[in-house]
């Protein structure tokens, strides 16, 4: 399993300065470390770090439930992550 990039953890700690350590299996929503308002910002962080665009039409909160699920879904390179995210592309207008 690939390591979770530090930028993901940094974002969570910046949003929750009172938190010192987060278990990989801790439910991020139940503990309110991530909520419905911050989820989209969190998705943008994951996109930037992973280099992939996450299809908003296929967003499922369970994909972001724990650090372990995020790690497996977006940073492991498994077949599941390929179906939920596509490589980021830059297009030139004109």
C-alpha atoms as a PDB file:
ATOM      1  CA  UNK A   1       0.000   0.000   0.000  1.00  0.00           C
ATOM      2  CA  UNK A   2       1.287   3.431  -0.923  1.00  0.00           C
ATOM      3  CA  UNK A   3       1.848   5.959   1.832  1.00  0.00           C
ATOM      4  CA  UNK A   4      -0.688   8.723   2.306  1.00  0.00           C
ATOM      5  CA  UNK A   5       0.884  11.969   1.064  1.00  0.00           C
ATOM      6  CA  UNK A   6       1.729  14.436   3.842  1.00  0.00           C
ATOM      7  CA  UNK A   7      -0.260  17.212   2.121  1.00  0.00           C
ATOM      8  CA  UNK A   8      -3.481  15.300   2.868  1.00  0.00           C
ATOM      9  CA  UNK A   9      -2.627  15.032   6.550  1.00  0.00           C
ATOM     10  CA  UNK A  10      -1.493  18.661   6.668  1.00  0.00           C
ATOM     11  CA  UNK A  11      -4.872  19.801   5.353  1.00  0.00           C
ATOM     12  CA  UNK A  12      -6.736  17.802   8.009  1.00  0.00           C
ATOM     13  CA  UNK A  13      -4.509  19.113  10.800  1.00  0.00           C
ATOM     14  CA  UNK A  14      -4.864  22.704   9.554  1.00  0.00           C
ATOM     15  CA  UNK A  15      -8.661  22.331   9.643  1.00  0.00           C
ATOM     16  CA  UNK A  16      -8.518  20.710  13.101  1.00  0.00           C
ATOM     17  CA  UNK A  17      -5.696  22.320  15.095  1.00  0.00           C
ATOM     18  CA  UNK A  18      -6.750  20.592  18.339  1.00  0.00           C
ATOM     19  CA  UNK A  19      -6.131  17.134  16.876  1.00  0.00           C
ATOM     20  CA  UNK A  20      -2.707  15.575  17.406  1.00  0.00           C
ATOM     21  CA  UNK A  21      -2.916  12.086  15.913  1.00  0.00           C
ATOM     22  CA  UNK A  22      -5.399  10.450  13.554  1.00  0.00           C
ATOM     23  CA  UNK A  23      -5.727   6.693  13.240  1.00  0.00           C
ATOM     24  CA  UNK A  24      -5.977   5.435   9.635  1.00  0.00           C
ATOM     25  CA  UNK A  25      -9.348   3.832  10.440  1.00  0.00           C
ATOM     26  CA  UNK A  26     -10.902   6.760  12.310  1.00  0.00           C
ATOM     27  CA  UNK A  27     -14.195   7.873  10.725  1.00  0.00           C
ATOM     28  CA  UNK A  28     -13.466  11.397   9.510  1.00  0.00           C
ATOM     29  CA  UNK A  29     -17.156  12.334   9.255  1.00  0.00           C
ATOM     30  CA  UNK A  30     -18.336  10.909  12.581  1.00  0.00           C
ATOM     31  CA  UNK A  31     -15.526  12.749  14.345  1.00  0.00           C
ATOM     32  CA  UNK A  32     -16.234  15.895  12.286  1.00  0.00           C
ATOM     33  CA  UNK A  33     -12.670  16.176  11.075  1.00  0.00           C
ATOM     34  CA  UNK A  34     -14.239  16.485   7.615  1.00  0.00           C
ATOM     35  CA  UNK A  35     -17.795  17.664   7.061  1.00  0.00           C
ATOM     36  CA  UNK A  36     -20.070  18.255   4.101  1.00  0.00           C
ATOM     37  CA  UNK A  37     -18.891  21.848   3.757  1.00  0.00           C
ATOM     38  CA  UNK A  38     -15.193  21.005   3.800  1.00  0.00           C
ATOM     39  CA  UNK A  39     -15.447  17.838   1.682  1.00  0.00           C
ATOM     40  CA  UNK A  40     -15.160  19.623  -1.667  1.00  0.00           C
ATOM     41  CA  UNK A  41     -12.065  21.511  -0.517  1.00  0.00           C
ATOM     42  CA  UNK A  42     -10.649  18.191   0.697  1.00  0.00           C
ATOM     43  CA  UNK A  43     -11.398  16.623  -2.700  1.00  0.00           C
ATOM     44  CA  UNK A  44      -9.484  19.461  -4.385  1.00  0.00           C
ATOM     45  CA  UNK A  45      -6.474  18.784  -2.135  1.00  0.00           C
ATOM     46  CA  UNK A  46      -6.594  15.076  -2.994  1.00  0.00           C
ATOM     47  CA  UNK A  47      -6.859  15.890  -6.710  1.00  0.00           C
ATOM     48  CA  UNK A  48      -3.888  18.239  -6.569  1.00  0.00           C
ATOM     49  CA  UNK A  49      -1.701  15.777  -4.674  1.00  0.00           C
ATOM     50  CA  UNK A  50      -2.716  12.705  -6.693  1.00  0.00           C
ATOM     51  CA  UNK A  51      -2.543  14.478 -10.049  1.00  0.00           C
ATOM     52  CA  UNK A  52      -6.017  13.185 -10.931  1.00  0.00           C
ATOM     53  CA  UNK A  53      -9.413  14.753 -11.393  1.00  0.00           C
ATOM     54  CA  UNK A  54     -12.100  13.105  -9.284  1.00  0.00           C
ATOM     55  CA  UNK A  55     -15.381  12.778 -11.154  1.00  0.00           C
ATOM     56  CA  UNK A  56     -17.855  14.766  -9.037  1.00  0.00           C
ATOM     57  CA  UNK A  57     -20.734  12.681 -10.475  1.00  0.00           C
ATOM     58  CA  UNK A  58     -19.235   9.587  -8.851  1.00  0.00           C
ATOM     59  CA  UNK A  59     -18.412  11.142  -5.467  1.00  0.00           C
ATOM     60  CA  UNK A  60     -19.295   8.871  -2.568  1.00  0.00           C
ATOM     61  CA  UNK A  61     -18.714   9.960   1.005  1.00  0.00           C
ATOM     62  CA  UNK A  62     -17.625   6.423   1.890  1.00  0.00           C
ATOM     63  CA  UNK A  63     -14.583   6.947  -0.398  1.00  0.00           C
ATOM     64  CA  UNK A  64     -13.465   9.637   2.066  1.00  0.00           C
ATOM     65  CA  UNK A  65     -14.664   7.971   5.298  1.00  0.00           C
ATOM     66  CA  UNK A  66     -11.211   7.159   6.699  1.00  0.00           C
ATOM     67  CA  UNK A  67      -7.595   7.907   5.841  1.00  0.00           C
ATOM     68  CA  UNK A  68      -7.221   4.249   4.919  1.00  0.00           C
ATOM     69  CA  UNK A  69     -10.060   4.392   2.360  1.00  0.00           C
ATOM     70  CA  UNK A  70      -8.604   7.599   0.886  1.00  0.00           C
ATOM     71  CA  UNK A  71      -5.186   5.984   0.698  1.00  0.00           C
ATOM     72  CA  UNK A  72      -6.544   2.864  -1.007  1.00  0.00           C
ATOM     73  CA  UNK A  73      -8.927   4.687  -3.358  1.00  0.00           C
ATOM     74  CA  UNK A  74      -6.753   7.553  -4.532  1.00  0.00           C
ATOM     75  CA  UNK A  75      -3.103   6.746  -3.787  1.00  0.00           C
ATOM     76  CA  UNK A  76      -2.728   2.994  -4.238  1.00  0.00           C
ATOM     77  CA  UNK A  77      -3.031   2.788  -8.014  1.00  0.00           C
ATOM     78  CA  UNK A  78      -5.565  -0.051  -7.819  1.00  0.00           C
ATOM     79  CA  UNK A  79      -8.259  -0.675 -10.429  1.00  0.00           C
ATOM     80  CA  UNK A  80     -10.852   0.953  -8.135  1.00  0.00           C
ATOM     81  CA  UNK A  81      -9.003   4.259  -8.125  1.00  0.00           C
ATOM     82  CA  UNK A  82      -8.821   4.270 -11.907  1.00  0.00           C
ATOM     83  CA  UNK A  83     -12.612   4.081 -12.184  1.00  0.00           C
ATOM     84  CA  UNK A  84     -13.199   6.998  -9.798  1.00  0.00           C
ATOM     85  CA  UNK A  85     -10.484   9.305 -10.999  1.00  0.00           C
ATOM     86  CA  UNK A  86      -9.095  10.240 -14.374  1.00  0.00           C
ATOM     87  CA  UNK A  87      -5.710  11.739 -15.170  1.00  0.00           C
ATOM     88  CA  UNK A  88      -5.680  15.512 -14.974  1.00  0.00           C
ATOM     89  CA  UNK A  89      -5.218  17.218 -18.316  1.00  0.00           C
ATOM     90  CA  UNK A  90      -4.460  20.756 -19.291  1.00  0.00           C
ATOM     91  CA  UNK A  91      -5.987  22.104 -22.472  1.00  0.00           C
ATOM     92  CA  UNK A  92      -5.023  25.204 -24.344  1.00  0.00           C
ATOM     93  CA  UNK A  93      -7.768  27.502 -25.551  1.00  0.00           C
ATOM     94  CA  UNK A  94      -7.609  28.956 -28.942  1.00  0.00           C
END
